[in-house]
Protein backbone atom coordinates (compact mmCIF):
# COMPACT_ATOMS: atom_id res chain seq x y z
CA MET A 1 0.00 0.00 0.00
CA VAL A 2 1.36 3.41 -0.99
CA THR A 3 0.41 6.15 1.44
CA LYS A 4 1.11 9.87 1.34
CA PRO A 5 1.58 11.26 4.88
CA LYS A 6 -0.80 13.82 6.34
CA LEU A 7 0.25 17.43 6.05
CA LEU A 8 0.52 19.77 9.06
CA TYR A 9 0.56 23.48 8.43
CA LEU A 10 -0.57 26.81 9.88
CA THR A 11 -3.59 28.47 8.38
CA VAL A 12 -3.73 32.24 8.23
CA LEU A 13 -6.78 32.23 10.50
CA ALA A 14 -5.04 30.04 13.07
CA ALA A 15 -2.04 32.34 13.10
CA VAL A 16 -4.25 35.36 13.78
CA LEU A 17 -6.23 33.61 16.52
CA TYR A 18 -3.23 32.23 18.38
CA SER A 19 -0.52 34.84 17.76
CA THR A 20 -1.23 36.78 21.00
CA ALA A 21 -1.98 33.70 23.07
CA SER A 22 1.37 32.02 22.53
CA ILE A 23 4.37 33.17 24.57
CA SER A 24 6.65 32.51 21.60
CA GLY A 25 4.21 34.09 19.19
CA CYS A 26 4.00 30.85 17.22
CA ALA A 27 0.59 29.30 16.72
CA PRO A 28 0.06 25.59 17.40
CA GLU A 29 0.08 23.35 14.35
CA VAL A 30 -3.34 22.51 12.99
CA GLU A 31 -3.79 19.08 11.43
CA VAL A 32 -5.47 19.22 8.05
CA GLU A 33 -6.85 16.08 6.46
CA LEU A 34 -5.60 15.67 2.92
CA GLN A 35 -7.83 14.45 0.11
CA LEU A 36 -6.05 11.24 -0.81
CA VAL A 37 -6.91 9.52 -4.09
CA ARG A 38 -7.38 5.80 -3.43
CA PHE A 39 -7.49 2.77 -5.75
CA ALA A 40 -8.60 -0.85 -5.35
CA GLY A 41 -7.48 -3.66 -7.63
CA PRO A 42 -6.50 -7.33 -7.55
CA GLU A 43 -2.97 -8.34 -6.58
CA HIS A 44 -2.00 -9.49 -10.08
CA PHE A 45 -2.86 -6.08 -11.55
CA VAL A 46 -1.28 -4.08 -8.75
CA SER A 47 2.05 -5.94 -8.97
CA ALA A 48 2.34 -6.52 -12.74
CA GLU A 49 4.55 -4.23 -14.83
CA ASP A 50 1.84 -4.08 -17.50
CA GLY A 51 -0.82 -3.45 -14.86
CA LEU A 52 -1.08 -0.54 -12.43
CA ALA A 53 2.42 0.73 -13.18
CA ALA A 54 1.68 0.89 -16.91
CA LEU A 55 -1.62 2.68 -16.27
CA GLN A 56 -0.01 5.34 -14.07
CA ASN A 57 3.01 5.80 -16.36
CA ARG A 58 0.94 6.18 -19.53
CA TYR A 59 -1.40 8.73 -17.95
CA ASN A 60 1.25 10.45 -15.80
CA PHE A 61 -0.35 10.27 -12.37
CA GLN A 62 0.05 8.34 -9.13
CA PHE A 63 -2.54 7.07 -6.66
CA ASP A 64 -1.92 8.09 -3.05
CA GLU A 65 -3.19 4.80 -1.64
CA VAL A 66 -3.50 1.40 -3.30
CA TYR A 67 -5.47 -1.50 -1.82
CA GLU A 68 -5.18 -5.09 -3.06
CA ILE A 69 -8.74 -6.44 -3.24
CA ALA A 70 -10.05 -9.41 -5.22
CA MET A 71 -11.78 -8.55 -8.49
CA GLY A 72 -15.50 -8.13 -7.90
CA PHE A 73 -15.09 -6.91 -4.33
CA THR A 74 -13.40 -3.86 -5.82
CA HIS A 75 -16.86 -2.68 -6.95
CA GLU A 76 -18.25 -2.75 -3.42
CA ALA A 77 -15.27 -0.82 -2.06
CA LEU A 78 -15.86 1.82 -4.70
CA ARG A 79 -19.62 2.06 -4.12
CA ALA A 80 -19.05 2.37 -0.36
CA GLY A 81 -16.73 5.32 -0.91
CA ASP A 82 -13.70 3.53 0.50
CA VAL A 83 -11.80 4.22 -2.74
CA ASP A 84 -12.10 6.72 -5.59
CA ALA A 85 -11.41 4.31 -8.46
CA ALA A 86 -11.30 0.55 -8.93
CA LEU A 87 -10.38 -2.01 -11.54
CA GLY A 88 -13.21 -3.93 -13.17
CA TYR A 89 -14.33 -5.55 -16.39
CA ALA A 90 -16.09 -3.30 -18.88
CA THR A 91 -19.22 -5.47 -19.21
CA ASP A 92 -19.76 -6.42 -15.56
CA GLY A 93 -23.40 -6.27 -14.45
CA LYS A 94 -22.28 -4.62 -11.20
CA ILE A 95 -21.64 -1.44 -13.19
CA MET A 96 -25.40 -1.13 -13.59
CA GLU A 97 -26.29 -2.46 -10.15
CA LEU A 98 -23.99 -0.11 -8.22
CA GLU A 99 -24.36 2.90 -10.54
CA LEU A 100 -20.72 2.99 -11.62
CA ILE A 101 -19.15 4.32 -14.79
CA ALA A 102 -16.36 2.81 -16.90
CA LEU A 103 -13.91 5.54 -17.89
CA ILE A 104 -12.83 5.67 -21.53
CA ASP A 105 -9.28 4.38 -21.96
CA ASP A 106 -8.33 7.15 -24.40
CA LYS A 107 -4.63 6.19 -24.47
CA GLY A 108 -5.20 2.46 -24.95
CA VAL A 109 -3.51 1.00 -21.88
CA PHE A 110 -5.89 -1.94 -21.52
CA PRO A 111 -5.61 -4.49 -24.37
CA SER A 112 -8.78 -5.07 -26.39
CA ARG A 113 -10.86 -8.12 -25.51
CA ASN A 114 -13.45 -8.07 -28.26
CA ALA A 115 -15.72 -11.12 -28.38
CA ALA A 116 -15.95 -13.16 -31.57
CA PRO A 117 -17.24 -16.62 -32.53
CA VAL A 118 -14.50 -19.07 -33.52
CA ALA A 119 -15.57 -22.03 -35.66
CA GLY A 120 -14.10 -25.02 -37.43
CA GLU A 121 -13.92 -24.90 -41.22
CA GLU A 122 -16.00 -28.09 -41.51
CA ILE A 123 -19.06 -26.70 -39.74
CA LEU A 124 -19.00 -23.50 -41.80
CA ALA A 125 -18.90 -25.58 -44.98
CA LEU A 126 -21.86 -27.66 -43.76
CA TYR A 127 -23.82 -24.61 -42.60
CA PRO A 128 -22.90 -21.47 -44.58
CA GLU A 129 -25.94 -19.86 -42.92
CA ILE A 130 -23.95 -19.55 -39.67
CA GLU A 131 -22.08 -16.54 -41.02
CA ALA A 132 -25.29 -14.90 -42.26
CA ALA A 133 -26.98 -15.43 -38.88
CA TYR A 134 -24.03 -13.93 -37.07
CA ARG A 135 -23.87 -10.88 -39.36
CA GLU A 136 -27.45 -10.13 -38.34
CA ILE A 137 -26.83 -10.14 -34.58
CA ARG A 138 -23.23 -8.89 -34.48
CA PRO A 139 -23.85 -5.09 -34.54
CA HIS A 140 -26.18 -5.35 -31.53
CA ILE A 141 -23.71 -7.13 -29.23
CA ASP A 142 -22.01 -4.21 -27.50
CA ASN A 143 -20.91 -3.29 -23.98
CA ARG A 144 -24.15 -1.56 -23.00
CA THR A 145 -26.15 -4.61 -24.04
CA MET A 146 -23.90 -7.01 -22.17
CA ILE A 147 -23.83 -4.93 -18.98
CA ARG A 148 -27.64 -5.01 -18.93
CA LEU A 149 -27.93 -8.72 -19.75
CA ASN A 150 -25.25 -9.63 -17.19
CA TYR A 151 -27.12 -7.54 -14.63
CA LEU A 152 -30.50 -9.14 -15.38
CA VAL A 153 -29.24 -12.73 -15.37
CA ASP A 154 -26.37 -12.73 -12.90
CA ILE A 155 -27.63 -10.22 -10.34
CA GLU A 156 -31.41 -10.04 -10.70
CA GLY A 157 -31.77 -13.78 -11.40
CA TYR A 158 -33.84 -13.21 -14.53
CA PRO A 159 -34.16 -16.38 -16.68
CA LEU A 160 -31.36 -16.38 -19.24
CA ASP A 161 -33.46 -17.55 -22.19
CA LYS A 162 -36.18 -14.99 -21.46
CA ALA A 163 -33.69 -12.13 -21.08
CA VAL A 164 -31.99 -12.95 -24.39
CA GLU A 165 -35.18 -13.48 -26.38
CA GLU A 166 -36.77 -10.28 -25.06
CA TRP A 167 -33.64 -8.36 -25.99
CA MET A 168 -33.64 -9.86 -29.48
CA GLU A 169 -37.33 -9.06 -29.92
CA ASP A 170 -36.78 -5.46 -28.86
CA ARG A 171 -34.20 -5.10 -31.63
CA SER A 172 -36.23 -7.03 -34.22
CA ILE A 173 -33.47 -9.58 -34.72
CA LEU A 174 -35.55 -12.68 -33.98
CA GLN A 175 -35.78 -13.63 -37.63
CA GLY A 176 -36.88 -16.99 -39.01
CA ASP A 177 -39.05 -19.76 -37.65
CA PRO A 178 -37.88 -21.89 -34.67
CA SER A 179 -40.24 -24.69 -35.77
CA ARG A 180 -38.48 -25.19 -39.12
CA GLU A 181 -37.45 -28.77 -39.79
CA LYS A 182 -33.86 -29.46 -38.84
CA THR A 183 -32.40 -32.26 -40.94
CA LYS A 184 -28.61 -31.97 -40.61
CA ARG A 185 -26.50 -32.76 -37.57
CA PRO A 186 -26.53 -30.18 -34.75
CA VAL A 187 -23.95 -27.46 -34.33
CA ILE A 188 -22.21 -28.07 -31.00
CA ILE A 189 -21.42 -24.78 -29.29
CA GLY A 190 -19.06 -24.69 -26.33
CA THR A 191 -19.31 -22.38 -23.35
CA LYS A 192 -16.80 -21.67 -20.60
CA GLY A 193 -19.56 -21.87 -18.02
CA TYR A 194 -19.88 -18.30 -16.72
CA VAL A 195 -22.84 -15.99 -17.26
CA GLU A 196 -21.53 -13.78 -20.06
CA GLN A 197 -20.45 -16.83 -22.07
CA GLU A 198 -23.83 -18.47 -21.55
CA ILE A 199 -25.57 -15.31 -22.77
CA LEU A 200 -23.42 -15.12 -25.91
CA VAL A 201 -23.97 -18.81 -26.63
CA HIS A 202 -27.74 -18.47 -26.19
CA ILE A 203 -27.85 -15.49 -28.55
CA MET A 204 -26.06 -17.54 -31.19
CA ALA A 205 -28.21 -20.61 -30.54
CA VAL A 206 -31.46 -18.66 -31.00
CA ALA A 207 -30.17 -17.05 -34.19
CA LEU A 208 -29.18 -20.44 -35.64
CA ASN A 209 -32.35 -22.25 -34.55
CA ARG A 210 -34.50 -19.71 -36.34
CA ARG A 211 -32.63 -20.47 -39.53
CA GLY A 212 -33.36 -24.17 -39.17
CA ILE A 213 -29.98 -25.09 -37.72
CA PRO A 214 -30.11 -27.44 -34.71
CA VAL A 215 -27.85 -26.60 -31.78
CA GLU A 216 -26.40 -28.45 -28.80
CA ILE A 217 -24.47 -26.73 -26.02
CA GLU A 218 -21.55 -28.20 -24.07
CA ALA A 219 -20.03 -26.53 -21.01
CA TYR A 220 -16.29 -26.33 -20.35
CA PRO A 221 -16.13 -24.62 -16.94
CA ALA A 222 -12.43 -25.45 -16.62
CA GLY A 223 -11.81 -22.32 -18.68
CA ILE A 224 -10.29 -20.91 -21.80
CA ARG A 225 -7.84 -23.68 -22.64
CA ALA A 226 -10.39 -26.48 -22.18
CA ALA A 227 -12.82 -24.89 -24.63
CA ARG A 228 -10.01 -24.21 -27.08
CA ALA A 229 -8.82 -27.81 -26.92
CA ALA A 230 -12.37 -29.06 -27.52
CA LEU A 231 -12.61 -26.94 -30.67
CA LEU A 232 -9.23 -28.07 -31.98
CA ASN A 233 -10.11 -31.72 -31.29
CA GLY A 234 -13.48 -31.45 -33.03
CA ARG A 235 -15.57 -32.13 -29.92
CA ILE A 236 -17.31 -28.79 -30.44
CA ASP A 237 -17.88 -26.78 -33.61
CA LEU A 238 -17.91 -23.24 -32.34
CA TYR A 239 -17.39 -21.11 -29.24
CA TRP A 240 -16.94 -17.46 -28.26
CA GLU A 241 -13.48 -16.13 -27.53
CA TYR A 242 -11.95 -12.77 -26.62
CA THR A 243 -9.18 -11.37 -28.82
CA GLY A 244 -6.81 -10.10 -26.11
CA ALA A 245 -7.13 -13.31 -24.09
CA ALA A 246 -6.45 -15.47 -27.16
CA TRP A 247 -3.40 -13.44 -28.15
CA ARG A 248 -1.82 -13.93 -24.75
CA GLU A 249 -3.01 -17.43 -23.82
CA PHE A 250 -2.76 -19.28 -27.13
CA PHE A 251 0.06 -17.54 -28.97
CA ASP A 252 2.18 -16.25 -26.04
CA GLN A 253 2.52 -12.92 -27.77
CA GLU A 254 3.90 -9.92 -25.91
CA PRO A 255 3.35 -7.06 -25.94
CA ALA A 256 -0.30 -6.81 -26.86
CA ILE A 257 -1.28 -5.14 -30.13
CA ASP A 258 -2.97 -1.81 -29.40
CA CYS A 259 -5.17 -1.59 -32.50
CA PRO A 260 -8.27 -3.86 -32.23
CA ASP A 261 -8.40 -4.45 -36.00
CA ALA A 262 -4.71 -5.31 -36.23
CA LEU A 263 -4.99 -7.62 -33.23
CA PHE A 264 -7.96 -9.42 -34.74
CA GLU A 265 -6.31 -9.87 -38.14
CA ALA A 266 -3.14 -11.25 -36.53
CA ILE A 267 -5.15 -13.81 -34.56
CA ARG A 268 -7.31 -14.78 -37.52
CA GLU A 269 -4.23 -15.33 -39.67
CA LYS A 270 -2.51 -17.49 -37.06
CA ASP A 271 -5.59 -19.63 -36.40
CA TYR A 272 -6.28 -20.16 -40.08
CA GLU A 273 -3.27 -22.50 -39.98
CA ASN A 274 -5.15 -24.50 -37.31
CA GLY A 275 -8.26 -24.91 -39.46
CA LEU A 276 -10.16 -22.38 -37.33
CA VAL A 277 -12.12 -19.40 -38.61
CA TRP A 278 -12.67 -16.25 -36.55
CA LEU A 279 -15.88 -14.50 -37.59
CA ASP A 280 -15.71 -10.70 -37.36
CA TYR A 281 -15.48 -9.47 -33.78
CA ALA A 282 -18.47 -7.86 -32.10
CA PRO A 283 -18.43 -4.33 -30.62
CA LEU A 284 -18.43 -5.98 -27.17
CA ASP A 285 -15.04 -5.34 -25.56
CA ASN A 286 -14.78 -7.02 -22.16
CA THR A 287 -11.42 -5.48 -21.32
CA HIS A 288 -10.22 -4.17 -17.99
CA THR A 289 -11.53 -0.74 -17.13
CA LEU A 290 -11.08 1.97 -14.52
CA LEU A 291 -14.34 2.47 -12.65
CA MET A 292 -15.71 5.45 -10.73
CA ARG A 293 -18.96 6.15 -8.91
CA ARG A 294 -21.29 7.63 -11.51
CA GLU A 295 -22.41 10.59 -9.41
CA GLN A 296 -18.81 11.58 -8.64
CA ALA A 297 -17.73 11.26 -12.27
CA VAL A 298 -20.67 13.36 -13.48
CA GLU A 299 -20.11 16.02 -10.80
CA LEU A 300 -16.43 16.33 -11.74
CA GLY A 301 -16.98 15.96 -15.49
CA ILE A 302 -14.70 12.92 -15.67
CA TYR A 303 -15.41 10.44 -18.47
CA THR A 304 -11.92 9.48 -19.66
CA ILE A 305 -8.85 8.24 -17.83
CA SER A 306 -6.98 11.33 -19.06
CA SER A 307 -9.47 13.62 -17.33
CA PHE A 308 -9.28 11.42 -14.22
CA ALA A 309 -5.49 11.75 -14.22
CA ARG A 310 -5.75 15.55 -14.49
CA TRP A 311 -8.11 15.57 -11.51
CA VAL A 312 -5.66 13.47 -9.46
CA ARG A 313 -2.76 15.81 -10.28
CA THR A 314 -4.89 18.83 -9.35
CA ILE A 315 -5.83 17.30 -6.00
CA GLN A 316 -2.21 16.50 -5.22
CA GLU A 317 -1.04 20.00 -6.20
CA GLU A 318 -3.64 21.50 -3.87
CA ASN A 319 -2.41 19.22 -1.07
CA TYR A 320 1.16 20.36 -1.49
CA GLN A 321 2.43 23.19 0.68
CA PRO A 322 5.94 24.77 0.47
CA GLY A 323 8.25 23.52 3.15
CA GLU A 324 6.37 20.24 3.88
């Protein structure tokens, strides 16, 4: 934890009040509470060179206090006012629940994690309609949508299928007839077993079913590498992956590529050699984000990390007194 010490200094008023009362003519020191800017994040982010240090270096500011708190609990610390900013994921339902705001990473510190379906060449040859179905739903799958769906399903306990279908109906993207005869083998879609993955899989399943394509879903809760292995081994035909995660986990590439388009093209080219096809990535970008309380951000006019950094520097300049 990095802590800036409290500052003791004489105010003009204190000097006037106490100047005649003190034998030496020196007023007693008055303790003034500084406004310290505090941050909460998980240990791996706080300690990593490409984590908190990279964020502060790129934006030229420094938190006064840093608390290591597990991801997820960081939101509660922020909402309670125990910290001024916290690390989170950009599509977390808690952003909506706790009335937080994700600041725009205008200098691109956090690597992109755009979601995209990854499929085997064989299934796309059998069902060319998969790409057409995805093109229809792709523009609607963005961060605002996923925050709301994550909130409804994960926090409010709303039925997943009902939440997805109501969302698709609202956007008039429930095309086709779910009762159409399905004659070919089913498309097996894998999921990593957490809520956002299940939502994405259900969106794809509904879109395919309405085009007469049967779907089966298999869960791989062990995580990213288990689902990837299942796709490479042909046990599943398709699953959703995130670009930044794939770049690091599957190809051991460092540093990350800043441009989302360039990152996606690099991944697609590498996986083409593996017989895998990445369909175009969705607007959804589940990257790390710096969170603030919404009411504080609005009051201060802070919507980007650059403006947050300027606010931090201003606070620290106001705290500073000559001779401390």
